[in-house]
Amino acid sequence: MRNHEDSRVELLYFSHGYSSSTVMHSHSYCQLEYCLGGCLAASTPEEEILLHPGEFWFLPPGIRHSFHRTRALQDFISIKFRASLCPERQISRDPVCLFYLDEIRMLIDGKGRFSTHSLENRIVMEHALTGLLQRLTETPEEMLTSDFESRLQNTILEFGAATGIDELAESFHLSKAQFKYRFLREFGSGNIKRYIDGVLMKMAQRQLLYSDQPLFRIAEELQFSSLYAFSRYFKHHCGKSPSAFRAESLSGQDSAR
């Protein structure tokens, strides 16, 4: 295992704001985008990317990319830094990395011990970034999302509550039977409905935890027919209403501080 002396980080820039469109560009430093609300849309010469709340995108130096404004409000944290340890480009929801990012988010929002732009705050953020980079480098391969699963999740998040086997099969240019076989081969289980529900619930919970969006807006983004339909769906799978889930989570965070 590498120690922190082998992975120095120099913080260059950070912000907590909302997205604007950019032209395709690259730079000589690392960049990390952490989506908190809405969908953060981006692209590289090879692919189109949608970041959802609770997901982050790490870009090492030299990666050409651009960001695009969408109709939905885009709330995110952007961090630019130099680092001696540079993992490969990746999108992740790793819980350890999210722990570091949530610590950084609090510091950026002025909720730490030191002033946001103080030298002390910068040192703490650099330390958190160092831990995050080590985690990205040492994460076992089996914990990373496969290309199939990443594409599958993006399709589910695109269609939201309207997702069915027809939409998933079409996104992979497969027949329904071919898609079912591919799903079974990838996951060892053929319960597609359960998988869809799991992705939708994770998305809903991240929105409730990491964004301040009202419930009706979350229901719209997940393409439920109404707030009532969303609330009933969420309570069926979680055992509590969306508002109760958010209130309890916020109460738990406050008591932990």
C-alpha atoms as a PDB file:
ATOM      1  CA  MET A   1       0.000   0.000   0.000  1.00  0.00           C
ATOM      2  CA  ARG A   2       1.272   3.481  -0.881  1.00  0.00           C
ATOM      3  CA  ASN A   3       1.730   6.018   1.871  1.00  0.00           C
ATOM      4  CA  HIS A   4       0.666   9.637   1.621  1.00  0.00           C
ATOM      5  CA  GLU A   5       4.213  10.828   0.977  1.00  0.00           C
ATOM      6  CA  ASP A   6       4.145   8.983  -2.364  1.00  0.00           C
ATOM      7  CA  SER A   7       0.961  10.724  -3.555  1.00  0.00           C
ATOM      8  CA  ARG A   8       1.305  14.475  -3.176  1.00  0.00           C
ATOM      9  CA  VAL A   9      -1.615  16.720  -4.146  1.00  0.00           C
ATOM     10  CA  GLU A  10      -1.585  20.440  -4.921  1.00  0.00           C
ATOM     11  CA  LEU A  11      -5.043  22.003  -4.844  1.00  0.00           C
ATOM     12  CA  LEU A  12      -5.537  24.536  -7.669  1.00  0.00           C
ATOM     13  CA  TYR A  13      -9.234  25.431  -7.762  1.00  0.00           C
ATOM     14  CA  PHE A  14     -12.565  24.421  -6.254  1.00  0.00           C
ATOM     15  CA  SER A  15     -16.160  25.571  -6.499  1.00  0.00           C
ATOM     16  CA  HIS A  16     -19.685  24.554  -5.571  1.00  0.00           C
ATOM     17  CA  GLY A  17     -21.986  25.844  -8.232  1.00  0.00           C
ATOM     18  CA  TYR A  18     -24.019  25.200 -11.303  1.00  0.00           C
ATOM     19  CA  SER A  19     -22.928  24.051 -14.739  1.00  0.00           C
ATOM     20  CA  SER A  20     -22.453  26.060 -17.907  1.00  0.00           C
ATOM     21  CA  SER A  21     -21.594  24.691 -21.330  1.00  0.00           C
ATOM     22  CA  THR A  22     -17.949  24.497 -22.403  1.00  0.00           C
ATOM     23  CA  VAL A  23     -16.172  23.730 -25.650  1.00  0.00           C
ATOM     24  CA  MET A  24     -14.078  20.588 -25.989  1.00  0.00           C
ATOM     25  CA  HIS A  25     -10.803  21.157 -24.147  1.00  0.00           C
ATOM     26  CA  SER A  26      -8.103  19.496 -22.035  1.00  0.00           C
ATOM     27  CA  HIS A  27      -5.619  20.652 -19.405  1.00  0.00           C
ATOM     28  CA  SER A  28      -2.417  19.652 -17.667  1.00  0.00           C
ATOM     29  CA  TYR A  29      -3.929  18.944 -14.249  1.00  0.00           C
ATOM     30  CA  CYS A  30      -6.453  16.524 -12.719  1.00  0.00           C
ATOM     31  CA  GLN A  31     -10.127  17.366 -12.523  1.00  0.00           C
ATOM     32  CA  LEU A  32     -12.934  15.880 -10.456  1.00  0.00           C
ATOM     33  CA  GLU A  33     -16.641  16.615 -10.890  1.00  0.00           C
ATOM     34  CA  TYR A  34     -19.008  15.476  -8.116  1.00  0.00           C
ATOM     35  CA  CYS A  35     -22.709  15.636  -9.001  1.00  0.00           C
ATOM     36  CA  LEU A  36     -25.054  16.620  -6.166  1.00  0.00           C
ATOM     37  CA  GLY A  37     -28.295  17.433  -7.964  1.00  0.00           C
ATOM     38  CA  GLY A  38     -29.818  17.096 -11.406  1.00  0.00           C
ATOM     39  CA  CYS A  39     -27.736  15.488 -14.135  1.00  0.00           C
ATOM     40  CA  LEU A  40     -24.297  16.734 -15.097  1.00  0.00           C
ATOM     41  CA  ALA A  41     -23.918  16.155 -18.837  1.00  0.00           C
ATOM     42  CA  ALA A  42     -20.486  15.879 -20.417  1.00  0.00           C
ATOM     43  CA  SER A  43     -18.728  14.305 -23.352  1.00  0.00           C
ATOM     44  CA  THR A  44     -15.327  13.182 -24.560  1.00  0.00           C
ATOM     45  CA  PRO A  45     -14.379  12.399 -28.179  1.00  0.00           C
ATOM     46  CA  GLU A  46     -15.285   8.765 -27.415  1.00  0.00           C
ATOM     47  CA  GLU A  47     -18.484   8.923 -25.336  1.00  0.00           C
ATOM     48  CA  GLU A  48     -21.417  10.879 -23.903  1.00  0.00           C
ATOM     49  CA  ILE A  49     -21.643  10.971 -20.112  1.00  0.00           C
ATOM     50  CA  LEU A  50     -24.429  11.671 -17.626  1.00  0.00           C
ATOM     51  CA  LEU A  51     -23.476  12.066 -13.982  1.00  0.00           C
ATOM     52  CA  HIS A  52     -26.258  11.619 -11.444  1.00  0.00           C
ATOM     53  CA  PRO A  53     -26.334  12.642  -7.765  1.00  0.00           C
ATOM     54  CA  GLY A  54     -23.791  10.647  -5.766  1.00  0.00           C
ATOM     55  CA  GLU A  55     -21.571   9.986  -8.804  1.00  0.00           C
ATOM     56  CA  PHE A  56     -18.234  11.597  -9.576  1.00  0.00           C
ATOM     57  CA  TRP A  57     -16.005  11.731 -12.628  1.00  0.00           C
ATOM     58  CA  PHE A  58     -12.241  11.724 -12.254  1.00  0.00           C
ATOM     59  CA  LEU A  59     -10.246  13.020 -15.237  1.00  0.00           C
ATOM     60  CA  PRO A  60      -6.453  12.726 -15.333  1.00  0.00           C
ATOM     61  CA  PRO A  61      -4.445  15.305 -17.313  1.00  0.00           C
ATOM     62  CA  GLY A  62      -4.784  15.423 -21.090  1.00  0.00           C
ATOM     63  CA  ILE A  63      -8.353  14.076 -21.413  1.00  0.00           C
ATOM     64  CA  ARG A  64     -10.384  16.142 -23.896  1.00  0.00           C
ATOM     65  CA  HIS A  65     -13.870  16.849 -22.562  1.00  0.00           C
ATOM     66  CA  SER A  66     -16.729  19.322 -22.531  1.00  0.00           C
ATOM     67  CA  PHE A  67     -19.788  20.024 -20.371  1.00  0.00           C
ATOM     68  CA  HIS A  68     -23.338  20.714 -21.536  1.00  0.00           C
ATOM     69  CA  ARG A  69     -26.180  22.593 -19.903  1.00  0.00           C
ATOM     70  CA  THR A  70     -29.395  20.591 -19.476  1.00  0.00           C
ATOM     71  CA  ARG A  71     -32.919  21.652 -18.586  1.00  0.00           C
ATOM     72  CA  ALA A  72     -32.583  20.257 -15.083  1.00  0.00           C
ATOM     73  CA  LEU A  73     -30.715  22.234 -12.436  1.00  0.00           C
ATOM     74  CA  GLN A  74     -27.121  21.012 -12.245  1.00  0.00           C
ATOM     75  CA  ASP A  75     -25.625  21.199  -8.768  1.00  0.00           C
ATOM     76  CA  PHE A  76     -22.064  19.951  -8.483  1.00  0.00           C
ATOM     77  CA  ILE A  77     -18.635  20.397  -6.947  1.00  0.00           C
ATOM     78  CA  SER A  78     -15.671  20.951  -9.243  1.00  0.00           C
ATOM     79  CA  ILE A  79     -12.090  20.409  -8.042  1.00  0.00           C
ATOM     80  CA  LYS A  80      -8.888  20.927 -10.050  1.00  0.00           C
ATOM     81  CA  PHE A  81      -5.527  19.822  -8.709  1.00  0.00           C
ATOM     82  CA  ARG A  82      -2.099  18.439  -9.528  1.00  0.00           C
ATOM     83  CA  ALA A  83      -1.226  14.984  -8.224  1.00  0.00           C
ATOM     84  CA  SER A  84       1.780  12.685  -8.381  1.00  0.00           C
ATOM     85  CA  LEU A  85      -0.590   9.697  -8.245  1.00  0.00           C
ATOM     86  CA  CYS A  86      -3.037   9.650 -11.186  1.00  0.00           C
ATOM     87  CA  PRO A  87      -5.546   6.801 -11.547  1.00  0.00           C
ATOM     88  CA  GLU A  88      -7.201   6.179 -14.907  1.00  0.00           C
ATOM     89  CA  ARG A  89     -10.254   8.160 -15.966  1.00  0.00           C
ATOM     90  CA  GLN A  90     -13.353   6.746 -14.320  1.00  0.00           C
ATOM     91  CA  ILE A  91     -16.879   7.359 -13.088  1.00  0.00           C
ATOM     92  CA  SER A  92     -17.519   5.955  -9.629  1.00  0.00           C
ATOM     93  CA  ARG A  93     -19.921   5.781  -6.702  1.00  0.00           C
ATOM     94  CA  ASP A  94     -17.414   4.166  -4.371  1.00  0.00           C
ATOM     95  CA  PRO A  95     -18.622   4.852  -0.795  1.00  0.00           C
ATOM     96  CA  VAL A  96     -15.119   5.505   0.568  1.00  0.00           C
ATOM     97  CA  CYS A  97     -14.475   8.098  -2.135  1.00  0.00           C
ATOM     98  CA  LEU A  98     -17.872   9.673  -1.438  1.00  0.00           C
ATOM     99  CA  PHE A  99     -16.897   9.959   2.226  1.00  0.00           C
ATOM    100  CA  TYR A 100     -13.840  12.020   1.236  1.00  0.00           C
ATOM    101  CA  LEU A 101     -15.898  14.099  -1.199  1.00  0.00           C
ATOM    102  CA  ASP A 102     -18.575  14.838   1.373  1.00  0.00           C
ATOM    103  CA  GLU A 103     -15.850  16.017   3.749  1.00  0.00           C
ATOM    104  CA  ILE A 104     -14.517  18.292   0.993  1.00  0.00           C
ATOM    105  CA  ARG A 105     -18.037  19.518   0.242  1.00  0.00           C
ATOM    106  CA  MET A 106     -18.471  20.631   3.848  1.00  0.00           C
ATOM    107  CA  LEU A 107     -15.158  22.508   3.716  1.00  0.00           C
ATOM    108  CA  ILE A 108     -16.071  24.229   0.448  1.00  0.00           C
ATOM    109  CA  ASP A 109     -19.437  25.245   1.891  1.00  0.00           C
ATOM    110  CA  GLY A 110     -17.751  26.784   4.935  1.00  0.00           C
ATOM    111  CA  LYS A 111     -18.836  24.120   7.413  1.00  0.00           C
ATOM    112  CA  GLY A 112     -15.343  23.161   8.539  1.00  0.00           C
ATOM    113  CA  ARG A 113     -13.243  24.499  11.377  1.00  0.00           C
ATOM    114  CA  PHE A 114     -11.212  26.830   9.164  1.00  0.00           C
ATOM    115  CA  SER A 115     -12.061  29.605   6.732  1.00  0.00           C
ATOM    116  CA  THR A 116     -12.896  28.237   3.265  1.00  0.00           C
ATOM    117  CA  HIS A 117      -9.896  29.832   1.535  1.00  0.00           C
ATOM    118  CA  SER A 118      -7.422  29.505   4.391  1.00  0.00           C
ATOM    119  CA  LEU A 119      -4.144  27.605   4.163  1.00  0.00           C
ATOM    120  CA  GLU A 120      -5.408  25.194   6.847  1.00  0.00           C
ATOM    121  CA  ASN A 121      -8.534  24.382   4.858  1.00  0.00           C
ATOM    122  CA  ARG A 122      -6.449  23.807   1.749  1.00  0.00           C
ATOM    123  CA  ILE A 123      -4.222  21.339   3.600  1.00  0.00           C
ATOM    124  CA  VAL A 124      -7.234  19.392   4.848  1.00  0.00           C
ATOM    125  CA  MET A 125      -8.735  19.242   1.339  1.00  0.00           C
ATOM    126  CA  GLU A 126      -5.431  18.099  -0.143  1.00  0.00           C
ATOM    127  CA  HIS A 127      -5.253  15.346   2.463  1.00  0.00           C
ATOM    128  CA  ALA A 128      -8.794  14.195   1.581  1.00  0.00           C
ATOM    129  CA  LEU A 129      -7.965  14.226  -2.132  1.00  0.00           C
ATOM    130  CA  THR A 130      -4.864  12.134  -1.445  1.00  0.00           C
ATOM    131  CA  GLY A 131      -6.972   9.514   0.310  1.00  0.00           C
ATOM    132  CA  LEU A 132      -9.498   9.544  -2.527  1.00  0.00           C
ATOM    133  CA  LEU A 133      -6.810   9.016  -5.180  1.00  0.00           C
ATOM    134  CA  GLN A 134      -5.289   6.146  -3.227  1.00  0.00           C
ATOM    135  CA  ARG A 135      -8.717   4.549  -2.977  1.00  0.00           C
ATOM    136  CA  LEU A 136      -9.307   4.900  -6.728  1.00  0.00           C
ATOM    137  CA  THR A 137      -5.936   3.340  -7.447  1.00  0.00           C
ATOM    138  CA  GLU A 138      -6.373   0.442  -5.019  1.00  0.00           C
ATOM    139  CA  THR A 139     -10.054  -0.358  -5.629  1.00  0.00           C
ATOM    140  CA  PRO A 140     -10.355  -4.033  -6.616  1.00  0.00           C
ATOM    141  CA  GLU A 141     -11.381  -4.487 -10.246  1.00  0.00           C
ATOM    142  CA  GLU A 142     -14.508  -6.385  -9.275  1.00  0.00           C
ATOM    143  CA  MET A 143     -15.834  -3.287  -7.437  1.00  0.00           C
ATOM    144  CA  LEU A 144     -15.770  -1.204 -10.606  1.00  0.00           C
ATOM    145  CA  THR A 145     -18.887  -1.030 -12.770  1.00  0.00           C
ATOM    146  CA  SER A 146     -18.613  -3.011 -16.020  1.00  0.00           C
ATOM    147  CA  ASP A 147     -19.355  -1.354 -19.360  1.00  0.00           C
ATOM    148  CA  PHE A 148     -22.556  -3.392 -19.609  1.00  0.00           C
ATOM    149  CA  GLU A 149     -23.766  -2.386 -16.170  1.00  0.00           C
ATOM    150  CA  SER A 150     -22.804   1.260 -16.665  1.00  0.00           C
ATOM    151  CA  ARG A 151     -24.773   1.389 -19.919  1.00  0.00           C
ATOM    152  CA  LEU A 152     -27.656  -0.475 -18.309  1.00  0.00           C
ATOM    153  CA  GLN A 153     -27.834   1.974 -15.403  1.00  0.00           C
ATOM    154  CA  ASN A 154     -27.657   4.994 -17.711  1.00  0.00           C
ATOM    155  CA  THR A 155     -30.585   3.615 -19.718  1.00  0.00           C
ATOM    156  CA  ILE A 156     -32.633   3.046 -16.573  1.00  0.00           C
ATOM    157  CA  LEU A 157     -31.890   6.566 -15.370  1.00  0.00           C
ATOM    158  CA  GLU A 158     -32.801   7.963 -18.799  1.00  0.00           C
ATOM    159  CA  PHE A 159     -36.224   6.281 -18.852  1.00  0.00           C
ATOM    160  CA  GLY A 160     -36.768   6.359 -15.083  1.00  0.00           C
ATOM    161  CA  ALA A 161     -39.988   4.793 -13.871  1.00  0.00           C
ATOM    162  CA  ALA A 162     -40.975   4.083 -17.491  1.00  0.00           C
ATOM    163  CA  THR A 163     -38.104   1.609 -17.910  1.00  0.00           C
ATOM    164  CA  GLY A 164     -39.051  -1.822 -19.167  1.00  0.00           C
ATOM    165  CA  ILE A 165     -37.362  -4.712 -20.938  1.00  0.00           C
ATOM    166  CA  ASP A 166     -38.320  -3.224 -24.314  1.00  0.00           C
ATOM    167  CA  GLU A 167     -36.378  -0.010 -23.596  1.00  0.00           C
ATOM    168  CA  LEU A 168     -33.371  -1.890 -22.237  1.00  0.00           C
ATOM    169  CA  ALA A 169     -33.233  -4.349 -25.132  1.00  0.00           C
ATOM    170  CA  GLU A 170     -33.498  -1.531 -27.673  1.00  0.00           C
ATOM    171  CA  SER A 171     -30.661   0.413 -26.026  1.00  0.00           C
ATOM    172  CA  PHE A 172     -28.383  -2.610 -26.559  1.00  0.00           C
ATOM    173  CA  HIS A 173     -29.782  -3.295 -30.059  1.00  0.00           C
ATOM    174  CA  LEU A 174     -30.883  -6.738 -28.928  1.00  0.00           C
ATOM    175  CA  SER A 175     -34.138  -8.653 -29.010  1.00  0.00           C
ATOM    176  CA  LYS A 176     -35.911  -9.139 -25.688  1.00  0.00           C
ATOM    177  CA  ALA A 177     -34.784 -12.767 -25.559  1.00  0.00           C
ATOM    178  CA  GLN A 178     -31.181 -11.820 -26.352  1.00  0.00           C
ATOM    179  CA  PHE A 179     -31.196  -9.103 -23.707  1.00  0.00           C
ATOM    180  CA  LYS A 180     -32.597 -11.470 -21.053  1.00  0.00           C
ATOM    181  CA  TYR A 181     -29.845 -13.965 -21.854  1.00  0.00           C
ATOM    182  CA  ARG A 182     -27.163 -11.243 -21.683  1.00  0.00           C
ATOM    183  CA  PHE A 183     -28.536  -9.966 -18.354  1.00  0.00           C
ATOM    184  CA  LEU A 184     -28.545 -13.498 -16.897  1.00  0.00           C
ATOM    185  CA  ARG A 185     -24.977 -14.066 -18.091  1.00  0.00           C
ATOM    186  CA  GLU A 186     -23.766 -10.782 -16.553  1.00  0.00           C
ATOM    187  CA  PHE A 187     -25.501 -11.029 -13.167  1.00  0.00           C
ATOM    188  CA  GLY A 188     -26.277 -14.705 -12.654  1.00  0.00           C
ATOM    189  CA  SER A 189     -29.922 -13.831 -12.028  1.00  0.00           C
ATOM    190  CA  GLY A 190     -32.716 -13.029 -14.424  1.00  0.00           C
ATOM    191  CA  ASN A 191     -34.744 -10.727 -12.172  1.00  0.00           C
ATOM    192  CA  ILE A 192     -34.580  -7.579 -14.319  1.00  0.00           C
ATOM    193  CA  LYS A 193     -37.457  -5.838 -12.523  1.00  0.00           C
ATOM    194  CA  ARG A 194     -35.656  -6.121  -9.188  1.00  0.00           C
ATOM    195  CA  TYR A 195     -32.526  -4.640 -10.733  1.00  0.00           C
ATOM    196  CA  ILE A 196     -34.472  -1.709 -12.207  1.00  0.00           C
ATOM    197  CA  ASP A 197     -36.101  -1.042  -8.837  1.00  0.00           C
ATOM    198  CA  GLY A 198     -32.704  -1.120  -7.134  1.00  0.00           C
ATOM    199  CA  VAL A 199     -31.238   1.483  -9.502  1.00  0.00           C
ATOM    200  CA  LEU A 200     -34.292   3.750  -9.216  1.00  0.00           C
ATOM    201  CA  MET A 201     -34.286   3.540  -5.417  1.00  0.00           C
ATOM    202  CA  LYS A 202     -30.560   4.345  -5.215  1.00  0.00           C
ATOM    203  CA  MET A 203     -31.138   7.327  -7.482  1.00  0.00           C
ATOM    204  CA  ALA A 204     -34.091   8.530  -5.443  1.00  0.00           C
ATOM    205  CA  GLN A 205     -32.202   8.126  -2.159  1.00  0.00           C
ATOM    206  CA  ARG A 206     -29.187  10.037  -3.503  1.00  0.00           C
ATOM    207  CA  GLN A 207     -31.442  12.865  -4.641  1.00  0.00           C
ATOM    208  CA  LEU A 208     -33.061  13.007  -1.213  1.00  0.00           C
ATOM    209  CA  LEU A 209     -29.711  12.866   0.588  1.00  0.00           C
ATOM    210  CA  TYR A 210     -27.500  15.034  -1.599  1.00  0.00           C
ATOM    211  CA  SER A 211     -29.796  17.619  -3.170  1.00  0.00           C
ATOM    212  CA  ASP A 212     -32.251  20.198  -1.918  1.00  0.00           C
ATOM    213  CA  GLN A 213     -34.672  19.617  -4.779  1.00  0.00           C
ATOM    214  CA  PRO A 214     -38.359  19.434  -3.810  1.00  0.00           C
ATOM    215  CA  LEU A 215     -40.051  16.055  -3.964  1.00  0.00           C
ATOM    216  CA  PHE A 216     -42.145  16.881  -7.013  1.00  0.00           C
ATOM    217  CA  ARG A 217     -38.982  17.760  -8.962  1.00  0.00           C
ATOM    218  CA  ILE A 218     -37.335  14.458  -8.004  1.00  0.00           C
ATOM    219  CA  ALA A 219     -40.498  12.635  -9.112  1.00  0.00           C
ATOM    220  CA  GLU A 220     -40.338  14.460 -12.463  1.00  0.00           C
ATOM    221  CA  GLU A 221     -36.651  13.645 -13.002  1.00  0.00           C
ATOM    222  CA  LEU A 222     -37.315   9.972 -12.325  1.00  0.00           C
ATOM    223  CA  GLN A 223     -40.292  10.199 -14.697  1.00  0.00           C
ATOM    224  CA  PHE A 224     -43.014   9.123 -12.308  1.00  0.00           C
ATOM    225  CA  SER A 225     -46.496  10.109 -13.423  1.00  0.00           C
ATOM    226  CA  SER A 226     -47.071  12.115 -10.249  1.00  0.00           C
ATOM    227  CA  LEU A 227     -45.652  12.890  -6.820  1.00  0.00           C
ATOM    228  CA  TYR A 228     -48.214  10.492  -5.379  1.00  0.00           C
ATOM    229  CA  ALA A 229     -46.975   7.658  -7.621  1.00  0.00           C
ATOM    230  CA  PHE A 230     -43.371   8.378  -6.622  1.00  0.00           C
ATOM    231  CA  SER A 231     -44.203   8.508  -2.898  1.00  0.00           C
ATOM    232  CA  ARG A 232     -46.157   5.262  -3.058  1.00  0.00           C
ATOM    233  CA  TYR A 233     -43.335   3.530  -4.976  1.00  0.00           C
ATOM    234  CA  PHE A 234     -40.659   4.785  -2.587  1.00  0.00           C
ATOM    235  CA  LYS A 235     -42.595   3.786   0.527  1.00  0.00           C
ATOM    236  CA  HIS A 236     -43.288   0.328  -0.916  1.00  0.00           C
ATOM    237  CA  HIS A 237     -39.554  -0.329  -1.374  1.00  0.00           C
ATOM    238  CA  CYS A 238     -38.134   1.617   1.563  1.00  0.00           C
ATOM    239  CA  GLY A 239     -40.833   1.310   4.221  1.00  0.00           C
ATOM    240  CA  LYS A 240     -41.085   5.081   4.679  1.00  0.00           C
ATOM    241  CA  SER A 241     -42.138   8.072   2.617  1.00  0.00           C
ATOM    242  CA  PRO A 242     -39.573  10.180   0.724  1.00  0.00           C
ATOM    243  CA  SER A 243     -40.134  13.125   3.074  1.00  0.00           C
ATOM    244  CA  ALA A 244     -39.647  10.929   6.153  1.00  0.00           C
ATOM    245  CA  PHE A 245     -36.482   9.398   4.646  1.00  0.00           C
ATOM    246  CA  ARG A 246     -35.016  12.846   3.947  1.00  0.00           C
ATOM    247  CA  ALA A 247     -35.972  14.208   7.373  1.00  0.00           C
ATOM    248  CA  GLU A 248     -34.465  11.241   9.232  1.00  0.00           C
ATOM    249  CA  SER A 249     -31.274  11.378   7.160  1.00  0.00           C
ATOM    250  CA  LEU A 250     -30.813  15.094   7.783  1.00  0.00           C
ATOM    251  CA  SER A 251     -31.495  14.603  11.476  1.00  0.00           C
ATOM    252  CA  GLY A 252     -28.863  11.862  11.611  1.00  0.00           C
ATOM    253  CA  GLN A 253     -26.282  14.059   9.874  1.00  0.00           C
ATOM    254  CA  ASP A 254     -26.908  16.935  12.278  1.00  0.00           C
ATOM    255  CA  SER A 255     -26.517  14.745  15.350  1.00  0.00           C
ATOM    256  CA  ALA A 256     -23.274  13.268  13.994  1.00  0.00           C
ATOM    257  CA  ARG A 257     -21.614  16.686  13.676  1.00  0.00           C
END
